[in-house]
């Protein structure tokens, strides 16, 4: 992601573990929907750049709030945690709101093209100097740390 520009209106998922992403966000961002954001279950739409390496994303939760509304979840995410999704035309499982339909929730949203490496420890995507390891790629900071089984599966899906 570091060499690519984020286009407003493009769809992205976050595959980073919540412990790594929490370092970059304030406590006010953490709510029940953040677990779904970090697991890649919610698709976010890029709105604008909010800093040199930050992108303002808007996620639409699947569940209704206690008041009966779907309040969008908006936050600035570091660009290295954004994993691009396939466009809506190429993915019939993606609704107009950017939410993955239930029948497509088990499928990968990114298609079958070649993608930049995903760190199987922290979830960073497309970082320069990724080190190929036995179970996938790792950032230089993550070499020597145990990889996440969930991220290894996501890595396989991205490259299949």
Protein backbone atom coordinates (compact mmCIF):
# COMPACT_ATOMS: atom_id res chain seq x y z
CA UNK A 1 0.00 0.00 0.00
CA UNK A 2 2.90 2.37 0.54
CA UNK A 3 3.50 2.92 -3.17
CA UNK A 4 -0.19 3.09 -4.16
CA UNK A 5 -2.50 6.03 -3.65
CA UNK A 6 -5.77 5.59 -1.85
CA UNK A 7 -8.66 6.79 -3.98
CA UNK A 8 -11.72 8.29 -2.26
CA UNK A 9 -14.66 5.96 -2.76
CA UNK A 10 -12.49 2.83 -2.91
CA UNK A 11 -13.33 -0.07 -0.62
CA UNK A 12 -10.82 -1.44 1.90
CA UNK A 13 -10.72 -4.03 4.65
CA UNK A 14 -8.63 -4.03 7.80
CA UNK A 15 -7.04 -7.39 8.60
CA UNK A 16 -4.75 -6.18 11.38
CA UNK A 17 -5.02 -7.65 14.85
CA UNK A 18 -6.73 -5.23 17.22
CA UNK A 19 -3.64 -5.10 19.46
CA UNK A 20 -1.53 -3.69 16.62
CA UNK A 21 -4.18 -1.28 15.36
CA UNK A 22 -4.98 -0.03 18.85
CA UNK A 23 -1.51 1.55 19.05
CA UNK A 24 -2.56 3.98 16.32
CA UNK A 25 -6.07 4.83 17.51
CA UNK A 26 -7.41 6.56 20.60
CA UNK A 27 -9.66 4.80 23.10
CA UNK A 28 -12.70 6.69 21.81
CA UNK A 29 -12.63 4.59 18.62
CA UNK A 30 -13.00 1.28 20.41
CA UNK A 31 -16.53 -0.06 20.40
CA UNK A 32 -18.21 -3.38 19.72
CA UNK A 33 -17.90 -2.92 15.94
CA UNK A 34 -14.10 -2.56 16.10
CA UNK A 35 -13.67 -6.32 16.48
CA UNK A 36 -15.53 -6.80 13.19
CA UNK A 37 -13.45 -4.08 11.54
CA UNK A 38 -10.20 -5.74 12.65
CA UNK A 39 -11.37 -9.17 11.49
CA UNK A 40 -12.09 -7.81 8.02
CA UNK A 41 -15.83 -8.46 8.29
CA UNK A 42 -16.76 -4.83 7.58
CA UNK A 43 -15.74 -3.08 4.39
CA UNK A 44 -14.70 0.54 4.74
CA UNK A 45 -14.93 3.24 2.10
CA UNK A 46 -12.09 5.76 1.83
CA UNK A 47 -13.36 9.31 2.29
CA UNK A 48 -10.21 11.45 2.33
CA UNK A 49 -6.64 11.73 3.56
CA UNK A 50 -6.41 13.12 7.09
CA UNK A 51 -2.64 13.10 7.36
CA UNK A 52 0.45 12.10 5.47
CA UNK A 53 -0.06 8.38 6.17
CA UNK A 54 -3.67 8.42 7.47
CA UNK A 55 -6.88 7.75 5.54
CA UNK A 56 -10.35 8.55 6.86
CA UNK A 57 -12.54 5.45 6.35
CA UNK A 58 -16.25 4.97 6.91
CA UNK A 59 -17.62 1.54 7.88
CA UNK A 60 -21.32 0.64 7.91
CA UNK A 61 -22.14 -1.90 10.63
CA UNK A 62 -24.45 -4.79 9.75
CA UNK A 63 -26.39 -4.71 13.01
CA UNK A 64 -28.80 -2.02 14.09
CA UNK A 65 -28.04 0.08 17.14
CA UNK A 66 -30.30 -0.03 20.20
CA UNK A 67 -32.16 2.94 18.71
CA UNK A 68 -32.76 1.01 15.48
CA UNK A 69 -30.24 2.80 13.26
CA UNK A 70 -27.06 1.81 11.48
CA UNK A 71 -24.67 4.51 12.55
CA UNK A 72 -21.56 4.58 10.36
CA UNK A 73 -18.26 4.04 12.11
CA UNK A 74 -15.67 6.56 10.88
CA UNK A 75 -11.99 6.71 11.74
CA UNK A 76 -8.54 7.55 10.41
CA UNK A 77 -6.50 4.40 9.78
CA UNK A 78 -2.79 4.25 8.91
CA UNK A 79 -2.41 3.52 5.21
CA UNK A 80 -0.28 0.40 5.78
CA UNK A 81 -3.28 -1.45 7.31
CA UNK A 82 -5.59 -0.96 4.32
CA UNK A 83 -6.18 -4.04 2.16
CA UNK A 84 -7.99 -3.15 -1.08
CA UNK A 85 -11.25 -4.86 -1.91
CA UNK A 86 -12.54 -5.81 -5.28
CA UNK A 87 -14.84 -3.33 -7.01
CA UNK A 88 -18.60 -3.76 -6.75
CA UNK A 89 -18.96 -4.73 -10.41
CA UNK A 90 -16.51 -7.59 -9.96
CA UNK A 91 -18.01 -8.73 -6.66
CA UNK A 92 -21.76 -9.35 -6.61
CA UNK A 93 -21.61 -10.06 -2.87
CA UNK A 94 -20.80 -6.41 -2.08
CA UNK A 95 -23.92 -4.28 -1.57
CA UNK A 96 -24.24 -0.60 -2.45
CA UNK A 97 -23.38 0.30 1.14
CA UNK A 98 -20.08 -1.57 0.93
CA UNK A 99 -21.36 -4.33 3.20
CA UNK A 100 -20.65 -7.92 2.31
CA UNK A 101 -23.81 -9.96 1.84
CA UNK A 102 -24.23 -13.08 3.95
CA UNK A 103 -23.82 -15.52 1.05
CA UNK A 104 -20.52 -13.88 0.06
CA UNK A 105 -19.17 -13.46 3.59
CA UNK A 106 -17.06 -16.62 3.33
CA UNK A 107 -15.57 -15.63 -0.01
CA UNK A 108 -12.58 -13.41 -0.48
CA UNK A 109 -13.36 -9.86 -1.53
CA UNK A 110 -10.10 -9.17 -3.28
CA UNK A 111 -10.32 -11.44 -6.33
CA UNK A 112 -7.65 -13.63 -7.83
CA UNK A 113 -5.07 -11.11 -8.95
CA UNK A 114 -1.59 -10.70 -7.49
CA UNK A 115 -1.44 -8.55 -4.39
CA UNK A 116 1.27 -7.06 -2.27
CA UNK A 117 2.34 -9.19 0.70
CA UNK A 118 0.34 -9.18 3.93
CA UNK A 119 2.24 -9.46 7.22
CA UNK A 120 1.00 -12.60 8.99
CA UNK A 121 1.78 -11.11 12.41
CA UNK A 122 0.49 -7.51 12.45
CA UNK A 123 -1.69 -7.32 9.32
CA UNK A 124 0.22 -4.57 7.51
CA UNK A 125 -0.24 -4.71 3.78
CA UNK A 126 2.25 -3.91 1.04
CA UNK A 127 5.05 -2.63 3.25
CA UNK A 128 8.48 -2.32 1.65
CA UNK A 129 11.13 -4.83 2.74
CA UNK A 130 8.69 -7.60 3.69
CA UNK A 131 10.57 -10.79 4.55
CA UNK A 132 9.27 -14.06 3.07
CA UNK A 133 8.88 -16.68 5.80
CA UNK A 134 7.59 -20.25 5.94
CA UNK A 135 3.93 -19.28 6.57
CA UNK A 136 3.87 -15.99 4.65
CA UNK A 137 5.46 -12.56 4.77
CA UNK A 138 6.52 -10.61 7.85
CA UNK A 139 7.52 -6.98 8.42
CA UNK A 140 11.06 -6.47 9.64
CA UNK A 141 9.60 -5.51 13.05
CA UNK A 142 7.61 -8.76 13.20
CA UNK A 143 10.39 -11.25 12.36
CA UNK A 144 10.78 -13.56 15.33
CA UNK A 145 7.15 -13.19 16.46
CA UNK A 146 4.55 -15.92 16.11
CA UNK A 147 2.22 -15.52 13.14
CA UNK A 148 -1.56 -15.39 13.41
CA UNK A 149 -3.48 -18.36 12.01
CA UNK A 150 -6.26 -16.03 10.81
CA UNK A 151 -3.79 -13.82 8.93
CA UNK A 152 -2.11 -16.86 7.36
CA UNK A 153 -5.51 -17.93 5.99
CA UNK A 154 -6.20 -14.41 4.72
CA UNK A 155 -2.79 -14.38 3.05
CA UNK A 156 -3.62 -17.62 1.24
CA UNK A 157 -6.96 -16.19 0.11
CA UNK A 158 -5.30 -13.04 -1.20
CA UNK A 159 -2.82 -15.05 -3.24
CA UNK A 160 -5.20 -17.75 -4.50
